[in-house]
Amino acid sequence: MFWMLLGLLLFLGPHSLRMLLPRWRQMAIVRVGESKWRSAFSLISFVGLFLVGYGFSGVREDPTVIWLPSLWTRYLAWGLSLIAFVLWGAAAVPGNLIKFQVHHPLVLGTGLWAFAHLVSNGMLAHLFLFGSIFLWSLASYFAARVRDVEESVPYPRGSLLATLGAIFIGSGVWLVTWVWLHGWLVDIRPVSWSLLFE
């Protein structure tokens, strides 16, 4: 558990600086230079992700059960994660209507993704991992919306074609992840081809 929590701190900490310490962050970027800042940010984030994965794999070998999720939470997780992947697609495809509406689809999608995993798993490690990401995503999203208002950030309305592209990309990646990649990465298969075509 220690390594997972340390990894979360190293990953979420740098990603929270713009929200918690915006002036210090800007001064640090000016002092060290943007390229060095980005390099250090990426390195710390990568180490954090590695420690999260390493620590989580260790905790899974001796799990602490907090509650037993009902079967319906699995279907809820499917739907919420699909929406999350579409939001991530909207973050990657410029000029779409989804980004025009929510402004920060990457952070909002991350929050939905974390919540989907939080409600469908009942282990203590899941509570710490996905609960912390969910709370961070909520705080980060609302802070970003406030910052948009303060800085009068414009968001173009976007086109229907770009929106359909974001939906197609997000849904496609979700399907590949849910059917195959999820099992390959964490050895948990939320759905299988046999279930889809029964």
C-alpha atoms as a PDB file:
ATOM      1  CA  MET A   1       0.000   0.000   0.000  1.00  0.00           C
ATOM      2  CA  PHE A   2       2.893   2.364   0.826  1.00  0.00           C
ATOM      3  CA  TRP A   3       4.287   2.310  -2.718  1.00  0.00           C
ATOM      4  CA  MET A   4       0.873   2.887  -4.272  1.00  0.00           C
ATOM      5  CA  LEU A   5       0.179   5.863  -1.999  1.00  0.00           C
ATOM      6  CA  LEU A   6       3.636   7.290  -2.678  1.00  0.00           C
ATOM      7  CA  GLY A   7       3.021   6.879  -6.413  1.00  0.00           C
ATOM      8  CA  LEU A   8      -0.322   8.678  -6.129  1.00  0.00           C
ATOM      9  CA  LEU A   9       1.381  11.523  -4.301  1.00  0.00           C
ATOM     10  CA  LEU A  10       4.097  11.805  -6.949  1.00  0.00           C
ATOM     11  CA  PHE A  11       1.590  11.672  -9.797  1.00  0.00           C
ATOM     12  CA  LEU A  12      -1.272  13.799  -8.473  1.00  0.00           C
ATOM     13  CA  GLY A  13       0.975  16.268  -6.664  1.00  0.00           C
ATOM     14  CA  PRO A  14       2.543  17.869  -9.752  1.00  0.00           C
ATOM     15  CA  HIS A  15      -0.827  17.767 -11.517  1.00  0.00           C
ATOM     16  CA  SER A  16      -2.324  19.777  -8.636  1.00  0.00           C
ATOM     17  CA  LEU A  17       0.179  22.644  -8.655  1.00  0.00           C
ATOM     18  CA  ARG A  18      -1.762  24.743 -11.161  1.00  0.00           C
ATOM     19  CA  MET A  19      -4.834  24.369  -8.978  1.00  0.00           C
ATOM     20  CA  LEU A  20      -3.235  24.829  -5.534  1.00  0.00           C
ATOM     21  CA  LEU A  21      -0.110  26.931  -6.143  1.00  0.00           C
ATOM     22  CA  PRO A  22      -0.547  28.694  -9.497  1.00  0.00           C
ATOM     23  CA  ARG A  23       1.782  31.628  -8.738  1.00  0.00           C
ATOM     24  CA  TRP A  24       4.557  29.425  -7.366  1.00  0.00           C
ATOM     25  CA  ARG A  25       4.195  27.147 -10.402  1.00  0.00           C
ATOM     26  CA  GLN A  26       4.512  30.045 -12.816  1.00  0.00           C
ATOM     27  CA  MET A  27       7.525  31.456 -10.978  1.00  0.00           C
ATOM     28  CA  ALA A  28       9.197  28.028 -11.022  1.00  0.00           C
ATOM     29  CA  ILE A  29       8.617  27.679 -14.765  1.00  0.00           C
ATOM     30  CA  VAL A  30      10.165  31.103 -15.376  1.00  0.00           C
ATOM     31  CA  ARG A  31      13.104  30.311 -13.092  1.00  0.00           C
ATOM     32  CA  VAL A  32      14.079  26.908 -14.512  1.00  0.00           C
ATOM     33  CA  GLY A  33      12.709  27.249 -18.029  1.00  0.00           C
ATOM     34  CA  GLU A  34       9.693  25.580 -19.581  1.00  0.00           C
ATOM     35  CA  SER A  35      11.615  22.699 -21.173  1.00  0.00           C
ATOM     36  CA  LYS A  36      13.279  21.696 -17.886  1.00  0.00           C
ATOM     37  CA  TRP A  37       9.969  22.066 -16.078  1.00  0.00           C
ATOM     38  CA  ARG A  38       8.219  19.786 -18.548  1.00  0.00           C
ATOM     39  CA  SER A  39      11.020  17.236 -18.336  1.00  0.00           C
ATOM     40  CA  ALA A  40      10.934  17.152 -14.529  1.00  0.00           C
ATOM     41  CA  PHE A  41       7.127  17.065 -14.547  1.00  0.00           C
ATOM     42  CA  SER A  42       7.086  14.125 -16.960  1.00  0.00           C
ATOM     43  CA  LEU A  43       9.780  12.224 -15.053  1.00  0.00           C
ATOM     44  CA  ILE A  44       8.066  12.606 -11.667  1.00  0.00           C
ATOM     45  CA  SER A  45       4.692  11.675 -13.176  1.00  0.00           C
ATOM     46  CA  PHE A  46       6.158   8.583 -14.842  1.00  0.00           C
ATOM     47  CA  VAL A  47       7.806   7.447 -11.601  1.00  0.00           C
ATOM     48  CA  GLY A  48       4.510   8.042  -9.825  1.00  0.00           C
ATOM     49  CA  LEU A  49       2.582   5.930 -12.331  1.00  0.00           C
ATOM     50  CA  PHE A  50       5.152   3.153 -12.084  1.00  0.00           C
ATOM     51  CA  LEU A  51       4.919   3.106  -8.289  1.00  0.00           C
ATOM     52  CA  VAL A  52       1.108   3.117  -8.459  1.00  0.00           C
ATOM     53  CA  GLY A  53       1.167   0.073 -10.721  1.00  0.00           C
ATOM     54  CA  TYR A  54       3.839  -1.674  -8.670  1.00  0.00           C
ATOM     55  CA  GLY A  55       2.130  -0.981  -5.366  1.00  0.00           C
ATOM     56  CA  PHE A  56      -1.329  -1.867  -6.639  1.00  0.00           C
ATOM     57  CA  SER A  57      -0.154  -5.214  -8.005  1.00  0.00           C
ATOM     58  CA  GLY A  58       1.314  -6.044  -4.602  1.00  0.00           C
ATOM     59  CA  VAL A  59      -1.816  -5.050  -2.691  1.00  0.00           C
ATOM     60  CA  ARG A  60      -3.987  -7.182  -4.984  1.00  0.00           C
ATOM     61  CA  GLU A  61      -2.161 -10.304  -3.775  1.00  0.00           C
ATOM     62  CA  ASP A  62      -3.529  -9.765  -0.247  1.00  0.00           C
ATOM     63  CA  PRO A  63      -6.684  -7.641  -0.675  1.00  0.00           C
ATOM     64  CA  THR A  64      -8.735  -6.087   2.101  1.00  0.00           C
ATOM     65  CA  VAL A  65     -12.442  -6.303   1.293  1.00  0.00           C
ATOM     66  CA  ILE A  66     -14.539  -3.293   2.327  1.00  0.00           C
ATOM     67  CA  TRP A  67     -17.775  -4.190   0.543  1.00  0.00           C
ATOM     68  CA  LEU A  68     -19.047  -6.620  -2.089  1.00  0.00           C
ATOM     69  CA  PRO A  69     -20.312  -4.711  -5.145  1.00  0.00           C
ATOM     70  CA  SER A  70     -23.626  -5.780  -6.679  1.00  0.00           C
ATOM     71  CA  LEU A  71     -23.742  -7.108 -10.225  1.00  0.00           C
ATOM     72  CA  TRP A  72     -25.434  -3.941 -11.521  1.00  0.00           C
ATOM     73  CA  THR A  73     -22.348  -1.895 -10.646  1.00  0.00           C
ATOM     74  CA  ARG A  74     -20.462  -3.761 -13.372  1.00  0.00           C
ATOM     75  CA  TYR A  75     -22.951  -2.583 -15.998  1.00  0.00           C
ATOM     76  CA  LEU A  76     -22.818   0.924 -14.554  1.00  0.00           C
ATOM     77  CA  ALA A  77     -19.033   0.836 -14.871  1.00  0.00           C
ATOM     78  CA  TRP A  78     -19.345  -0.177 -18.541  1.00  0.00           C
ATOM     79  CA  GLY A  79     -21.565   2.816 -19.295  1.00  0.00           C
ATOM     80  CA  LEU A  80     -19.590   5.349 -17.286  1.00  0.00           C
ATOM     81  CA  SER A  81     -16.279   4.204 -18.731  1.00  0.00           C
ATOM     82  CA  LEU A  82     -17.695   4.466 -22.263  1.00  0.00           C
ATOM     83  CA  ILE A  83     -18.664   8.081 -21.594  1.00  0.00           C
ATOM     84  CA  ALA A  84     -15.202   8.662 -20.120  1.00  0.00           C
ATOM     85  CA  PHE A  85     -13.492   7.339 -23.242  1.00  0.00           C
ATOM     86  CA  VAL A  86     -15.694   9.519 -25.453  1.00  0.00           C
ATOM     87  CA  LEU A  87     -14.687  12.520 -23.342  1.00  0.00           C
ATOM     88  CA  TRP A  88     -11.037  11.550 -23.771  1.00  0.00           C
ATOM     89  CA  GLY A  89     -11.658  11.335 -27.505  1.00  0.00           C
ATOM     90  CA  ALA A  90     -13.133  14.831 -27.366  1.00  0.00           C
ATOM     91  CA  ALA A  91      -9.965  16.053 -25.656  1.00  0.00           C
ATOM     92  CA  ALA A  92      -7.871  14.636 -28.518  1.00  0.00           C
ATOM     93  CA  VAL A  93     -10.003  15.791 -31.468  1.00  0.00           C
ATOM     94  CA  PRO A  94      -9.971  19.577 -31.959  1.00  0.00           C
ATOM     95  CA  GLY A  95     -13.067  21.592 -32.726  1.00  0.00           C
ATOM     96  CA  ASN A  96     -15.827  19.333 -31.397  1.00  0.00           C
ATOM     97  CA  LEU A  97     -19.100  20.176 -29.669  1.00  0.00           C
ATOM     98  CA  ILE A  98     -18.330  18.093 -26.580  1.00  0.00           C
ATOM     99  CA  LYS A  99     -15.306  20.219 -25.719  1.00  0.00           C
ATOM    100  CA  PHE A 100     -17.362  23.331 -26.413  1.00  0.00           C
ATOM    101  CA  GLN A 101     -19.863  22.201 -23.792  1.00  0.00           C
ATOM    102  CA  VAL A 102     -17.658  20.775 -21.012  1.00  0.00           C
ATOM    103  CA  HIS A 103     -14.419  22.723 -21.738  1.00  0.00           C
ATOM    104  CA  HIS A 104     -12.162  20.179 -20.029  1.00  0.00           C
ATOM    105  CA  PRO A 105     -13.184  16.712 -21.250  1.00  0.00           C
ATOM    106  CA  LEU A 106      -9.885  15.062 -20.285  1.00  0.00           C
ATOM    107  CA  VAL A 107     -10.236  15.834 -16.586  1.00  0.00           C
ATOM    108  CA  LEU A 108     -13.987  15.174 -16.538  1.00  0.00           C
ATOM    109  CA  GLY A 109     -13.471  11.846 -18.323  1.00  0.00           C
ATOM    110  CA  THR A 110     -10.791  10.871 -15.820  1.00  0.00           C
ATOM    111  CA  GLY A 111     -13.221  11.550 -12.983  1.00  0.00           C
ATOM    112  CA  LEU A 112     -15.919   9.388 -14.570  1.00  0.00           C
ATOM    113  CA  TRP A 113     -13.391   6.628 -15.241  1.00  0.00           C
ATOM    114  CA  ALA A 114     -12.279   6.666 -11.608  1.00  0.00           C
ATOM    115  CA  PHE A 115     -15.863   6.714 -10.315  1.00  0.00           C
ATOM    116  CA  ALA A 116     -16.754   3.751 -12.550  1.00  0.00           C
ATOM    117  CA  HIS A 117     -13.949   1.712 -11.004  1.00  0.00           C
ATOM    118  CA  LEU A 118     -14.739   2.965  -7.506  1.00  0.00           C
ATOM    119  CA  VAL A 119     -18.363   1.797  -7.464  1.00  0.00           C
ATOM    120  CA  SER A 120     -17.659  -1.566  -9.106  1.00  0.00           C
ATOM    121  CA  ASN A 121     -14.823  -2.632  -6.791  1.00  0.00           C
ATOM    122  CA  GLY A 122     -14.905  -3.110  -3.045  1.00  0.00           C
ATOM    123  CA  MET A 123     -11.276  -3.443  -2.036  1.00  0.00           C
ATOM    124  CA  LEU A 124      -9.431  -0.995   0.215  1.00  0.00           C
ATOM    125  CA  ALA A 125      -6.774  -0.464  -2.464  1.00  0.00           C
ATOM    126  CA  HIS A 126      -9.459   0.474  -5.008  1.00  0.00           C
ATOM    127  CA  LEU A 127     -10.943   2.932  -2.542  1.00  0.00           C
ATOM    128  CA  PHE A 128      -7.619   4.717  -2.097  1.00  0.00           C
ATOM    129  CA  LEU A 129      -6.588   4.559  -5.745  1.00  0.00           C
ATOM    130  CA  PHE A 130      -9.784   5.445  -7.578  1.00  0.00           C
ATOM    131  CA  GLY A 131     -11.236   7.527  -4.758  1.00  0.00           C
ATOM    132  CA  SER A 132      -8.233   9.858  -4.731  1.00  0.00           C
ATOM    133  CA  ILE A 133      -8.245  10.176  -8.533  1.00  0.00           C
ATOM    134  CA  PHE A 134     -11.978  10.865  -8.502  1.00  0.00           C
ATOM    135  CA  LEU A 135     -11.686  13.600  -5.855  1.00  0.00           C
ATOM    136  CA  TRP A 136      -8.684  15.131  -7.618  1.00  0.00           C
ATOM    137  CA  SER A 137     -10.566  15.156 -10.935  1.00  0.00           C
ATOM    138  CA  LEU A 138     -13.576  16.916  -9.417  1.00  0.00           C
ATOM    139  CA  ALA A 139     -11.427  19.566  -7.753  1.00  0.00           C
ATOM    140  CA  SER A 140      -9.299  20.040 -10.859  1.00  0.00           C
ATOM    141  CA  TYR A 141     -12.317  20.315 -13.164  1.00  0.00           C
ATOM    142  CA  PHE A 142     -14.115  22.953 -11.111  1.00  0.00           C
ATOM    143  CA  ALA A 143     -10.889  24.889 -10.571  1.00  0.00           C
ATOM    144  CA  ALA A 144     -10.301  24.889 -14.333  1.00  0.00           C
ATOM    145  CA  ARG A 145     -13.844  26.142 -14.998  1.00  0.00           C
ATOM    146  CA  VAL A 146     -13.355  28.974 -12.521  1.00  0.00           C
ATOM    147  CA  ARG A 147     -10.027  29.798 -14.156  1.00  0.00           C
ATOM    148  CA  ASP A 148     -11.707  29.888 -17.568  1.00  0.00           C
ATOM    149  CA  VAL A 149     -14.205  32.463 -16.323  1.00  0.00           C
ATOM    150  CA  GLU A 150     -11.513  34.587 -14.678  1.00  0.00           C
ATOM    151  CA  GLU A 151      -9.322  34.538 -17.789  1.00  0.00           C
ATOM    152  CA  SER A 152     -12.248  34.732 -20.270  1.00  0.00           C
ATOM    153  CA  VAL A 153     -10.995  31.675 -22.162  1.00  0.00           C
ATOM    154  CA  PRO A 154     -12.900  31.276 -25.462  1.00  0.00           C
ATOM    155  CA  TYR A 155     -14.063  27.870 -26.675  1.00  0.00           C
ATOM    156  CA  PRO A 156     -15.096  27.562 -30.336  1.00  0.00           C
ATOM    157  CA  ARG A 157     -18.444  25.909 -30.957  1.00  0.00           C
ATOM    158  CA  GLY A 158     -16.968  23.092 -33.054  1.00  0.00           C
ATOM    159  CA  SER A 159     -18.388  20.991 -35.864  1.00  0.00           C
ATOM    160  CA  LEU A 160     -20.618  17.949 -36.038  1.00  0.00           C
ATOM    161  CA  LEU A 161     -17.995  16.016 -38.032  1.00  0.00           C
ATOM    162  CA  ALA A 162     -15.330  16.545 -35.379  1.00  0.00           C
ATOM    163  CA  THR A 163     -17.820  15.545 -32.689  1.00  0.00           C
ATOM    164  CA  LEU A 164     -18.679  12.311 -34.492  1.00  0.00           C
ATOM    165  CA  GLY A 165     -14.965  11.654 -34.888  1.00  0.00           C
ATOM    166  CA  ALA A 166     -14.401  12.085 -31.159  1.00  0.00           C
ATOM    167  CA  ILE A 167     -17.280   9.728 -30.384  1.00  0.00           C
ATOM    168  CA  PHE A 168     -16.018   7.137 -32.880  1.00  0.00           C
ATOM    169  CA  ILE A 169     -12.431   7.250 -31.602  1.00  0.00           C
ATOM    170  CA  GLY A 170     -13.439   7.174 -27.949  1.00  0.00           C
ATOM    171  CA  SER A 171     -15.909   4.315 -28.441  1.00  0.00           C
ATOM    172  CA  GLY A 172     -13.424   2.308 -30.492  1.00  0.00           C
ATOM    173  CA  VAL A 173     -10.636   2.639 -27.952  1.00  0.00           C
ATOM    174  CA  TRP A 174     -13.103   1.813 -25.165  1.00  0.00           C
ATOM    175  CA  LEU A 175     -14.149  -1.389 -26.924  1.00  0.00           C
ATOM    176  CA  VAL A 176     -10.573  -2.522 -27.501  1.00  0.00           C
ATOM    177  CA  THR A 177      -9.641  -1.673 -23.915  1.00  0.00           C
ATOM    178  CA  TRP A 178     -12.674  -3.289 -22.308  1.00  0.00           C
ATOM    179  CA  VAL A 179     -12.525  -6.478 -24.358  1.00  0.00           C
ATOM    180  CA  TRP A 180      -8.777  -7.045 -24.620  1.00  0.00           C
ATOM    181  CA  LEU A 181      -6.362  -4.396 -23.308  1.00  0.00           C
ATOM    182  CA  HIS A 182      -7.770  -4.252 -19.777  1.00  0.00           C
ATOM    183  CA  GLY A 183      -7.196  -7.965 -19.304  1.00  0.00           C
ATOM    184  CA  TRP A 184      -3.705  -7.782 -20.785  1.00  0.00           C
ATOM    185  CA  LEU A 185      -2.654  -4.876 -18.554  1.00  0.00           C
ATOM    186  CA  VAL A 186      -4.180  -5.800 -15.188  1.00  0.00           C
ATOM    187  CA  ASP A 187      -5.345  -9.389 -15.741  1.00  0.00           C
ATOM    188  CA  ILE A 188      -8.993  -8.422 -15.172  1.00  0.00           C
ATOM    189  CA  ARG A 189     -11.423  -8.928 -18.054  1.00  0.00           C
ATOM    190  CA  PRO A 190     -14.581  -6.848 -17.573  1.00  0.00           C
ATOM    191  CA  VAL A 191     -16.147  -8.318 -20.712  1.00  0.00           C
ATOM    192  CA  SER A 192     -15.270 -10.967 -23.271  1.00  0.00           C
ATOM    193  CA  TRP A 193     -16.135 -11.645 -26.896  1.00  0.00           C
ATOM    194  CA  SER A 194     -18.168 -14.656 -25.846  1.00  0.00           C
ATOM    195  CA  LEU A 195     -20.290 -12.461 -23.574  1.00  0.00           C
ATOM    196  CA  LEU A 196     -20.791  -9.899 -26.311  1.00  0.00           C
ATOM    197  CA  PHE A 197     -22.001 -12.441 -28.872  1.00  0.00           C
ATOM    198  CA  GLU A 198     -24.000 -14.838 -26.687  1.00  0.00           C
END
